[in-house]
N, C-alpha and C. Protein backbone atom coordinates (compact mmCIF):
# COMPACT_ATOMS: atom_id res chain seq x y z
N MET A 1 129.46 -113.47 286.42
CA MET A 1 130.34 -112.86 285.45
C MET A 1 130.10 -113.44 284.06
N ARG A 2 129.92 -114.75 283.97
CA ARG A 2 129.68 -115.37 282.67
C ARG A 2 128.42 -114.81 282.02
N PHE A 3 127.40 -114.63 282.80
CA PHE A 3 126.14 -114.14 282.28
C PHE A 3 126.31 -112.73 281.71
N ILE A 4 127.08 -111.89 282.40
CA ILE A 4 127.29 -110.51 281.95
C ILE A 4 127.97 -110.49 280.60
N PHE A 5 129.04 -111.28 280.44
CA PHE A 5 129.74 -111.31 279.16
C PHE A 5 128.85 -111.87 278.06
N GLY A 6 128.06 -112.87 278.38
CA GLY A 6 127.13 -113.43 277.41
C GLY A 6 126.10 -112.41 276.99
N CYS A 7 125.59 -111.66 277.96
CA CYS A 7 124.59 -110.63 277.65
C CYS A 7 125.16 -109.54 276.76
N LEU A 8 126.41 -109.15 276.99
CA LEU A 8 127.03 -108.12 276.15
C LEU A 8 127.08 -108.58 274.70
N GLY A 9 127.51 -109.81 274.49
CA GLY A 9 127.57 -110.33 273.12
C GLY A 9 126.20 -110.45 272.49
N THR A 10 125.27 -110.98 273.25
CA THR A 10 123.91 -111.15 272.75
C THR A 10 123.26 -109.81 272.46
N CYS A 11 123.42 -108.86 273.36
CA CYS A 11 122.83 -107.53 273.16
C CYS A 11 123.37 -106.87 271.90
N ALA A 12 124.67 -107.00 271.65
CA ALA A 12 125.26 -106.40 270.45
C ALA A 12 124.65 -107.02 269.19
N VAL A 13 124.47 -108.34 269.20
CA VAL A 13 123.88 -109.01 268.06
C VAL A 13 122.44 -108.52 267.85
N LEU A 14 121.68 -108.44 268.93
CA LEU A 14 120.29 -108.00 268.83
C LEU A 14 120.17 -106.55 268.40
N VAL A 15 121.04 -105.70 268.92
CA VAL A 15 121.02 -104.29 268.51
C VAL A 15 121.29 -104.18 267.03
N PHE A 16 122.29 -104.91 266.53
CA PHE A 16 122.61 -104.84 265.12
C PHE A 16 121.46 -105.38 264.28
N ALA A 17 120.86 -106.48 264.73
CA ALA A 17 119.74 -107.07 263.98
C ALA A 17 118.57 -106.10 263.87
N ASN A 18 118.36 -105.29 264.87
CA ASN A 18 117.26 -104.34 264.86
C ASN A 18 117.52 -103.14 263.95
N PHE A 19 118.73 -103.02 263.44
CA PHE A 19 119.04 -101.91 262.56
C PHE A 19 119.01 -102.32 261.09
N ALA A 20 118.50 -103.50 260.82
CA ALA A 20 118.34 -103.92 259.42
C ALA A 20 117.45 -102.90 258.73
N GLY A 21 117.92 -102.38 257.63
CA GLY A 21 117.16 -101.37 256.91
C GLY A 21 117.34 -99.97 257.46
N ALA A 22 118.21 -99.81 258.46
CA ALA A 22 118.46 -98.49 259.05
C ALA A 22 119.26 -97.64 258.07
N SER A 23 119.31 -96.35 258.35
CA SER A 23 120.10 -95.45 257.50
C SER A 23 121.58 -95.82 257.60
N GLU A 24 122.35 -95.37 256.62
CA GLU A 24 123.79 -95.63 256.63
C GLU A 24 124.43 -95.05 257.89
N GLU A 25 123.96 -93.88 258.30
CA GLU A 25 124.51 -93.23 259.49
C GLU A 25 124.22 -94.07 260.74
N ASP A 26 123.00 -94.54 260.88
CA ASP A 26 122.65 -95.38 262.03
C ASP A 26 123.44 -96.68 262.02
N SER A 27 123.61 -97.27 260.86
CA SER A 27 124.38 -98.50 260.73
C SER A 27 125.84 -98.26 261.12
N PHE A 28 126.40 -97.15 260.66
CA PHE A 28 127.78 -96.79 260.99
C PHE A 28 127.96 -96.64 262.50
N VAL A 29 127.05 -95.93 263.13
CA VAL A 29 127.13 -95.72 264.59
C VAL A 29 126.98 -97.05 265.32
N THR A 30 126.02 -97.85 264.91
CA THR A 30 125.79 -99.14 265.56
C THR A 30 127.01 -100.04 265.41
N SER A 31 127.56 -100.11 264.22
CA SER A 31 128.75 -100.94 263.97
C SER A 31 129.91 -100.51 264.85
N ASN A 32 130.12 -99.22 264.94
CA ASN A 32 131.23 -98.73 265.75
C ASN A 32 130.97 -98.94 267.24
N LEU A 33 129.73 -98.84 267.66
CA LEU A 33 129.38 -99.13 269.04
C LEU A 33 129.70 -100.59 269.37
N ILE A 34 129.32 -101.50 268.49
CA ILE A 34 129.61 -102.92 268.68
C ILE A 34 131.12 -103.14 268.76
N SER A 35 131.85 -102.54 267.84
CA SER A 35 133.30 -102.70 267.83
C SER A 35 133.92 -102.20 269.13
N VAL A 36 133.46 -101.07 269.62
CA VAL A 36 134.00 -100.49 270.86
C VAL A 36 133.63 -101.37 272.06
N VAL A 37 132.39 -101.84 272.11
CA VAL A 37 131.97 -102.72 273.22
C VAL A 37 132.84 -103.97 273.24
N TYR A 38 133.06 -104.58 272.08
CA TYR A 38 133.89 -105.78 272.03
C TYR A 38 135.35 -105.46 272.37
N HIS A 39 135.82 -104.30 271.98
CA HIS A 39 137.17 -103.87 272.34
C HIS A 39 137.29 -103.79 273.87
N GLU A 40 136.33 -103.14 274.49
CA GLU A 40 136.36 -103.00 275.95
C GLU A 40 136.17 -104.36 276.63
N LEU A 41 135.37 -105.21 276.03
CA LEU A 41 135.22 -106.57 276.53
C LEU A 41 136.56 -107.29 276.47
N GLY A 42 137.33 -107.02 275.43
CA GLY A 42 138.68 -107.59 275.32
C GLY A 42 139.54 -107.23 276.52
N HIS A 43 139.47 -105.96 276.94
CA HIS A 43 140.22 -105.55 278.14
C HIS A 43 139.75 -106.34 279.36
N ALA A 44 138.44 -106.53 279.48
CA ALA A 44 137.90 -107.27 280.62
C ALA A 44 138.36 -108.72 280.60
N VAL A 45 138.38 -109.32 279.42
CA VAL A 45 138.85 -110.70 279.30
C VAL A 45 140.33 -110.79 279.66
N ILE A 46 141.12 -109.87 279.16
CA ILE A 46 142.55 -109.85 279.48
C ILE A 46 142.76 -109.77 280.98
N ASP A 47 142.00 -108.91 281.63
CA ASP A 47 142.13 -108.74 283.07
C ASP A 47 141.61 -109.95 283.83
N THR A 48 140.40 -110.38 283.52
CA THR A 48 139.76 -111.45 284.27
C THR A 48 140.47 -112.79 284.09
N MET A 49 140.88 -113.07 282.87
CA MET A 49 141.52 -114.36 282.60
C MET A 49 143.05 -114.28 282.71
N GLN A 50 143.53 -113.10 283.06
CA GLN A 50 144.97 -112.87 283.22
C GLN A 50 145.74 -113.33 281.98
N VAL A 51 145.26 -112.88 280.83
CA VAL A 51 145.88 -113.23 279.55
C VAL A 51 147.19 -112.46 279.44
N PRO A 52 148.30 -113.16 279.24
CA PRO A 52 149.57 -112.45 279.08
C PRO A 52 149.60 -111.73 277.73
N ILE A 53 149.96 -110.47 277.75
CA ILE A 53 150.01 -109.67 276.53
C ILE A 53 151.44 -109.19 276.32
N PHE A 54 151.98 -109.51 275.16
CA PHE A 54 153.30 -109.03 274.77
C PHE A 54 153.05 -107.95 273.72
N GLY A 55 153.31 -106.73 274.07
CA GLY A 55 152.99 -105.61 273.21
C GLY A 55 151.95 -104.75 273.90
N GLN A 56 151.24 -103.97 273.12
CA GLN A 56 150.25 -103.07 273.68
C GLN A 56 148.91 -103.78 273.91
N GLU A 57 148.37 -103.61 275.09
CA GLU A 57 147.07 -104.20 275.39
C GLU A 57 145.98 -103.65 274.47
N GLU A 58 146.10 -102.40 274.07
CA GLU A 58 145.11 -101.81 273.17
C GLU A 58 145.05 -102.57 271.85
N ASP A 59 146.19 -102.96 271.33
CA ASP A 59 146.22 -103.74 270.10
C ASP A 59 145.56 -105.10 270.30
N ALA A 60 145.85 -105.74 271.44
CA ALA A 60 145.26 -107.04 271.74
C ALA A 60 143.74 -106.93 271.86
N ALA A 61 143.26 -105.88 272.51
CA ALA A 61 141.81 -105.68 272.65
C ALA A 61 141.16 -105.43 271.29
N GLU A 62 141.86 -104.72 270.43
CA GLU A 62 141.35 -104.45 269.08
C GLU A 62 141.21 -105.74 268.29
N VAL A 63 142.21 -106.59 268.40
CA VAL A 63 142.18 -107.88 267.72
C VAL A 63 141.05 -108.74 268.28
N PHE A 64 140.87 -108.73 269.60
CA PHE A 64 139.78 -109.48 270.22
C PHE A 64 138.44 -109.02 269.63
N SER A 65 138.27 -107.73 269.49
CA SER A 65 137.03 -107.18 268.96
C SER A 65 136.74 -107.72 267.56
N ILE A 66 137.70 -107.66 266.67
CA ILE A 66 137.44 -108.10 265.29
C ILE A 66 137.26 -109.60 265.21
N LEU A 67 137.93 -110.35 266.10
CA LEU A 67 137.72 -111.80 266.13
C LEU A 67 136.30 -112.13 266.56
N LEU A 68 135.79 -111.42 267.57
CA LEU A 68 134.41 -111.66 268.00
C LEU A 68 133.42 -111.31 266.91
N ILE A 69 133.65 -110.20 266.25
CA ILE A 69 132.76 -109.80 265.16
C ILE A 69 132.74 -110.88 264.09
N ASP A 70 133.89 -111.38 263.73
CA ASP A 70 133.99 -112.44 262.72
C ASP A 70 133.31 -113.72 263.20
N GLU A 71 133.47 -114.05 264.47
CA GLU A 71 132.96 -115.31 265.02
C GLU A 71 131.45 -115.28 265.29
N ILE A 72 130.95 -114.19 265.81
CA ILE A 72 129.57 -114.14 266.30
C ILE A 72 128.55 -113.80 265.22
N PHE A 73 128.90 -112.93 264.32
CA PHE A 73 127.93 -112.43 263.34
C PHE A 73 127.93 -113.26 262.06
N GLU A 74 126.78 -113.28 261.42
CA GLU A 74 126.68 -113.89 260.10
C GLU A 74 127.61 -113.11 259.15
N PRO A 75 128.12 -113.78 258.10
CA PRO A 75 129.11 -113.13 257.23
C PRO A 75 128.73 -111.74 256.71
N GLU A 76 127.50 -111.57 256.24
CA GLU A 76 127.11 -110.26 255.69
C GLU A 76 127.13 -109.19 256.78
N SER A 77 126.60 -109.51 257.95
CA SER A 77 126.60 -108.55 259.05
C SER A 77 128.01 -108.26 259.53
N ALA A 78 128.84 -109.29 259.61
CA ALA A 78 130.23 -109.11 260.03
C ALA A 78 130.96 -108.17 259.05
N ASN A 79 130.71 -108.35 257.76
CA ASN A 79 131.33 -107.47 256.76
C ASN A 79 130.93 -106.02 256.98
N ILE A 80 129.65 -105.78 257.23
CA ILE A 80 129.17 -104.42 257.44
C ILE A 80 129.82 -103.81 258.67
N ILE A 81 129.84 -104.57 259.76
CA ILE A 81 130.42 -104.06 261.01
C ILE A 81 131.90 -103.78 260.84
N ALA A 82 132.63 -104.71 260.23
CA ALA A 82 134.07 -104.51 260.03
C ALA A 82 134.34 -103.31 259.12
N TYR A 83 133.57 -103.20 258.05
CA TYR A 83 133.70 -102.08 257.10
C TYR A 83 133.49 -100.75 257.82
N ASP A 84 132.39 -100.67 258.59
CA ASP A 84 132.09 -99.42 259.30
C ASP A 84 133.10 -99.12 260.40
N ALA A 85 133.53 -100.16 261.12
CA ALA A 85 134.52 -99.95 262.19
C ALA A 85 135.84 -99.46 261.58
N ALA A 86 136.22 -100.04 260.46
CA ALA A 86 137.44 -99.61 259.78
C ALA A 86 137.33 -98.14 259.38
N PHE A 87 136.17 -97.77 258.82
CA PHE A 87 136.00 -96.38 258.41
C PHE A 87 135.90 -95.44 259.59
N GLY A 88 135.51 -95.95 260.76
CA GLY A 88 135.56 -95.14 261.97
C GLY A 88 137.00 -94.71 262.26
N PHE A 89 137.93 -95.67 262.13
CA PHE A 89 139.34 -95.35 262.32
C PHE A 89 139.84 -94.42 261.21
N HIS A 90 139.41 -94.68 259.99
CA HIS A 90 139.84 -93.86 258.87
C HIS A 90 139.38 -92.40 259.05
N ALA A 91 138.13 -92.22 259.46
CA ALA A 91 137.60 -90.87 259.68
C ALA A 91 138.38 -90.15 260.77
N GLU A 92 138.66 -90.87 261.85
CA GLU A 92 139.45 -90.27 262.94
C GLU A 92 140.84 -89.87 262.46
N ALA A 93 141.43 -90.70 261.62
CA ALA A 93 142.78 -90.42 261.11
C ALA A 93 142.78 -89.15 260.26
N GLN A 94 141.68 -88.88 259.56
CA GLN A 94 141.59 -87.70 258.72
C GLN A 94 141.40 -86.42 259.54
N GLU A 95 140.82 -86.56 260.72
CA GLU A 95 140.46 -85.40 261.54
C GLU A 95 141.44 -85.08 262.66
N THR A 96 142.33 -86.00 262.98
CA THR A 96 143.23 -85.78 264.11
C THR A 96 144.67 -86.02 263.72
N THR A 97 145.55 -85.39 264.47
CA THR A 97 146.98 -85.62 264.32
C THR A 97 147.34 -86.81 265.20
N PRO A 98 148.10 -87.76 264.68
CA PRO A 98 148.46 -88.91 265.50
C PRO A 98 149.16 -88.48 266.80
N ALA A 99 148.74 -89.08 267.89
CA ALA A 99 149.37 -88.84 269.20
C ALA A 99 150.25 -90.05 269.48
N PHE A 100 151.51 -89.95 269.09
CA PHE A 100 152.40 -91.10 269.20
C PHE A 100 152.69 -91.47 270.65
N TRP A 101 152.36 -90.60 271.58
CA TRP A 101 152.54 -90.89 272.99
C TRP A 101 151.37 -91.68 273.57
N ASP A 102 150.26 -91.78 272.83
CA ASP A 102 149.04 -92.42 273.33
C ASP A 102 149.21 -93.94 273.37
N VAL A 103 148.44 -94.60 274.25
CA VAL A 103 148.50 -96.06 274.34
C VAL A 103 147.83 -96.71 273.13
N HIS A 104 146.95 -95.99 272.43
CA HIS A 104 146.35 -96.49 271.20
C HIS A 104 147.28 -96.17 270.05
N GLY A 105 147.37 -97.09 269.11
CA GLY A 105 148.16 -96.82 267.92
C GLY A 105 147.48 -95.76 267.08
N PRO A 106 148.19 -95.21 266.11
CA PRO A 106 147.58 -94.23 265.21
C PRO A 106 146.35 -94.84 264.51
N ASP A 107 145.31 -94.05 264.35
CA ASP A 107 144.05 -94.55 263.80
C ASP A 107 144.22 -95.16 262.41
N GLU A 108 145.07 -94.59 261.60
CA GLU A 108 145.26 -95.16 260.26
C GLU A 108 145.88 -96.56 260.35
N GLN A 109 146.79 -96.75 261.29
CA GLN A 109 147.36 -98.08 261.48
C GLN A 109 146.30 -99.06 262.02
N ARG A 110 145.46 -98.58 262.93
CA ARG A 110 144.37 -99.42 263.46
C ARG A 110 143.43 -99.82 262.33
N TYR A 111 143.18 -98.90 261.40
CA TYR A 111 142.36 -99.19 260.23
C TYR A 111 142.93 -100.37 259.45
N TYR A 112 144.20 -100.29 259.08
CA TYR A 112 144.82 -101.35 258.28
C TYR A 112 144.95 -102.65 259.06
N ASN A 113 145.22 -102.59 260.34
CA ASN A 113 145.28 -103.81 261.15
C ASN A 113 143.93 -104.52 261.16
N LEU A 114 142.87 -103.76 261.37
CA LEU A 114 141.52 -104.34 261.38
C LEU A 114 141.20 -104.99 260.03
N VAL A 115 141.46 -104.26 258.96
CA VAL A 115 141.16 -104.78 257.62
C VAL A 115 141.97 -106.04 257.35
N CYS A 116 143.24 -106.02 257.69
CA CYS A 116 144.13 -107.15 257.44
C CYS A 116 143.65 -108.40 258.18
N ILE A 117 143.36 -108.27 259.45
CA ILE A 117 142.95 -109.43 260.24
C ILE A 117 141.58 -109.93 259.80
N PHE A 118 140.65 -109.03 259.57
CA PHE A 118 139.32 -109.45 259.15
C PHE A 118 139.38 -110.13 257.78
N TYR A 119 140.10 -109.55 256.87
CA TYR A 119 140.27 -110.13 255.53
C TYR A 119 140.87 -111.53 255.61
N SER A 120 141.92 -111.68 256.39
CA SER A 120 142.63 -112.95 256.41
C SER A 120 141.89 -114.05 257.17
N ALA A 121 140.83 -113.70 257.91
CA ALA A 121 140.01 -114.72 258.56
C ALA A 121 139.24 -115.53 257.52
N ASN A 122 139.01 -114.94 256.35
CA ASN A 122 138.30 -115.64 255.28
C ASN A 122 138.63 -114.95 253.94
N PRO A 123 139.86 -115.10 253.48
CA PRO A 123 140.30 -114.34 252.29
C PRO A 123 139.51 -114.65 251.02
N ASP A 124 139.02 -115.86 250.87
CA ASP A 124 138.26 -116.18 249.66
C ASP A 124 136.97 -115.36 249.57
N LEU A 125 136.30 -115.18 250.70
CA LEU A 125 135.05 -114.43 250.71
C LEU A 125 135.26 -112.92 250.83
N ARG A 126 136.44 -112.50 251.26
CA ARG A 126 136.64 -111.09 251.59
C ARG A 126 137.66 -110.38 250.69
N GLU A 127 138.00 -110.98 249.58
CA GLU A 127 138.95 -110.37 248.65
C GLU A 127 138.43 -109.02 248.17
N GLU A 128 137.16 -108.98 247.81
CA GLU A 128 136.57 -107.73 247.31
C GLU A 128 136.56 -106.66 248.41
N LEU A 129 136.24 -107.07 249.64
CA LEU A 129 136.24 -106.13 250.76
C LEU A 129 137.64 -105.55 250.97
N ALA A 130 138.67 -106.39 250.89
CA ALA A 130 140.04 -105.92 251.05
C ALA A 130 140.41 -104.92 249.95
N GLN A 131 139.94 -105.17 248.75
CA GLN A 131 140.21 -104.24 247.65
C GLN A 131 139.45 -102.93 247.84
N GLU A 132 138.18 -103.03 248.24
CA GLU A 132 137.38 -101.83 248.49
C GLU A 132 138.00 -100.96 249.58
N LEU A 133 138.53 -101.62 250.60
CA LEU A 133 139.12 -100.89 251.72
C LEU A 133 140.59 -100.56 251.48
N ARG A 134 141.04 -100.83 250.27
CA ARG A 134 142.38 -100.45 249.79
C ARG A 134 143.51 -101.00 250.65
N LEU A 135 143.36 -102.28 251.01
CA LEU A 135 144.45 -102.95 251.70
C LEU A 135 145.58 -103.13 250.69
N PRO A 136 146.74 -102.52 250.94
CA PRO A 136 147.83 -102.62 249.97
C PRO A 136 148.25 -104.08 249.78
N GLU A 137 148.57 -104.42 248.54
CA GLU A 137 148.95 -105.80 248.23
C GLU A 137 150.14 -106.25 249.06
N GLU A 138 151.10 -105.34 249.28
CA GLU A 138 152.27 -105.72 250.07
C GLU A 138 151.90 -106.03 251.52
N ARG A 139 150.83 -105.46 252.03
CA ARG A 139 150.36 -105.80 253.37
C ARG A 139 149.50 -107.07 253.32
N ALA A 140 148.66 -107.19 252.30
CA ALA A 140 147.77 -108.36 252.18
C ALA A 140 148.56 -109.66 252.17
N ILE A 141 149.76 -109.62 251.61
CA ILE A 141 150.60 -110.82 251.53
C ILE A 141 150.92 -111.36 252.93
N SER A 142 151.09 -110.48 253.89
CA SER A 142 151.46 -110.92 255.25
C SER A 142 150.26 -111.14 256.16
N CYS A 143 149.06 -110.86 255.69
CA CYS A 143 147.87 -110.95 256.54
C CYS A 143 147.60 -112.37 257.03
N ALA A 144 147.84 -113.36 256.20
CA ALA A 144 147.60 -114.74 256.62
C ALA A 144 148.50 -115.10 257.80
N GLU A 145 149.75 -114.68 257.74
CA GLU A 145 150.68 -114.93 258.85
C GLU A 145 150.25 -114.17 260.10
N GLU A 146 149.80 -112.93 259.92
CA GLU A 146 149.33 -112.15 261.06
C GLU A 146 148.12 -112.81 261.69
N TYR A 147 147.22 -113.31 260.85
CA TYR A 147 146.03 -113.97 261.37
C TYR A 147 146.40 -115.23 262.15
N GLU A 148 147.36 -115.98 261.66
CA GLU A 148 147.82 -117.18 262.38
C GLU A 148 148.37 -116.81 263.76
N LEU A 149 149.11 -115.72 263.83
CA LEU A 149 149.61 -115.25 265.13
C LEU A 149 148.46 -114.86 266.05
N VAL A 150 147.46 -114.22 265.50
CA VAL A 150 146.27 -113.82 266.26
C VAL A 150 145.56 -115.05 266.82
N ILE A 151 145.38 -116.04 265.97
CA ILE A 151 144.71 -117.27 266.41
C ILE A 151 145.55 -118.01 267.43
N ASP A 152 146.87 -118.04 267.22
CA ASP A 152 147.75 -118.67 268.22
C ASP A 152 147.65 -117.96 269.56
N SER A 153 147.48 -116.64 269.52
CA SER A 153 147.42 -115.86 270.75
C SER A 153 146.05 -115.94 271.43
N TRP A 154 144.99 -115.74 270.67
CA TRP A 154 143.64 -115.66 271.24
C TRP A 154 142.86 -116.97 271.14
N GLY A 155 143.26 -117.86 270.27
CA GLY A 155 142.49 -119.08 270.02
C GLY A 155 142.18 -119.88 271.27
N GLY A 156 143.19 -120.14 272.08
CA GLY A 156 142.98 -120.92 273.30
C GLY A 156 142.06 -120.23 274.28
N VAL A 157 142.19 -118.91 274.40
CA VAL A 157 141.33 -118.14 275.30
C VAL A 157 139.89 -118.21 274.83
N LEU A 158 139.67 -117.99 273.54
CA LEU A 158 138.31 -118.04 272.99
C LEU A 158 137.73 -119.44 273.08
N GLN A 159 138.56 -120.45 272.85
CA GLN A 159 138.08 -121.83 272.95
C GLN A 159 137.66 -122.14 274.39
N ASP A 160 138.47 -121.73 275.35
CA ASP A 160 138.10 -121.93 276.76
C ASP A 160 136.79 -121.22 277.09
N MET A 161 136.63 -120.02 276.56
CA MET A 161 135.40 -119.27 276.81
C MET A 161 134.20 -119.96 276.17
N GLU A 162 134.39 -120.43 274.93
CA GLU A 162 133.30 -121.06 274.21
C GLU A 162 132.89 -122.38 274.87
N GLU A 163 133.88 -123.13 275.34
CA GLU A 163 133.60 -124.41 275.98
C GLU A 163 133.18 -124.25 277.44
N GLY A 164 133.33 -123.04 277.97
CA GLY A 164 132.97 -122.80 279.36
C GLY A 164 133.97 -123.38 280.33
N THR A 165 135.22 -123.64 279.87
CA THR A 165 136.22 -124.24 280.75
C THR A 165 137.11 -123.19 281.41
N GLY A 166 137.05 -121.97 280.94
CA GLY A 166 137.86 -120.90 281.54
C GLY A 166 137.05 -120.15 282.58
N LYS A 167 137.58 -119.03 283.01
CA LYS A 167 136.89 -118.20 284.00
C LYS A 167 135.66 -117.52 283.39
N LEU A 168 135.66 -117.38 282.08
CA LEU A 168 134.56 -116.72 281.37
C LEU A 168 133.96 -117.69 280.38
N ARG A 169 132.76 -117.38 279.95
CA ARG A 169 132.10 -118.22 278.97
C ARG A 169 131.55 -117.34 277.85
N LEU A 170 131.87 -117.69 276.63
CA LEU A 170 131.39 -116.96 275.46
C LEU A 170 130.10 -117.62 275.01
N ILE A 171 129.02 -116.84 275.03
CA ILE A 171 127.74 -117.36 274.57
C ILE A 171 127.13 -116.40 273.58
N GLY A 172 126.40 -116.96 272.65
CA GLY A 172 125.74 -116.15 271.64
C GLY A 172 124.25 -116.13 271.88
N PRO A 173 123.50 -115.54 270.95
CA PRO A 173 122.06 -115.38 271.14
C PRO A 173 121.30 -116.69 271.26
N SER A 174 121.82 -117.78 270.69
CA SER A 174 121.10 -119.05 270.75
C SER A 174 121.61 -119.93 271.89
N SER A 175 122.59 -119.46 272.66
CA SER A 175 123.18 -120.25 273.73
C SER A 175 122.40 -120.09 275.01
N ASP A 176 122.52 -121.09 275.85
CA ASP A 176 121.93 -121.04 277.18
C ASP A 176 122.85 -120.22 278.07
N PRO A 177 122.40 -119.09 278.66
CA PRO A 177 123.28 -118.22 279.43
C PRO A 177 123.72 -118.82 280.76
N MET A 178 123.19 -119.89 281.18
CA MET A 178 123.58 -120.47 282.47
C MET A 178 124.32 -121.71 282.21
């Protein structure tokens, strides 16, 4: 199981690296694919590690995805992936009517949640990104607190994975998969 999760992370990094110089469309698709894979990986982690979730599991998986993107990728690549993933939600919000009965939150809300959490992981470096993605100032003010809650919730799980002390192990492209 550890090897499978490690391979998923490594494969996503390698796929993105191979798209250097790719068209904007290819980059957008690749970024969203990575975001979705990490989101689904979040569900697997929640299930396998029996992570208690208070609220919607979809939101927790979304947060897991953006945390992995921030943690695994170099800053420039992480910015591109987060930017494209956010615009994936934005595009969906423009084309669909929110289904308030769905287990996923409305796409526009998912957009702002992603931007808020990603921005607050490194606000000094991502101020311009937050402005470009039109994160409202009244929301940006609370992003640091939201990020602290995210870290309080996921930090221990990710640390256990990284240290190999939990049921799963988080490994990157330079890590030994065994």
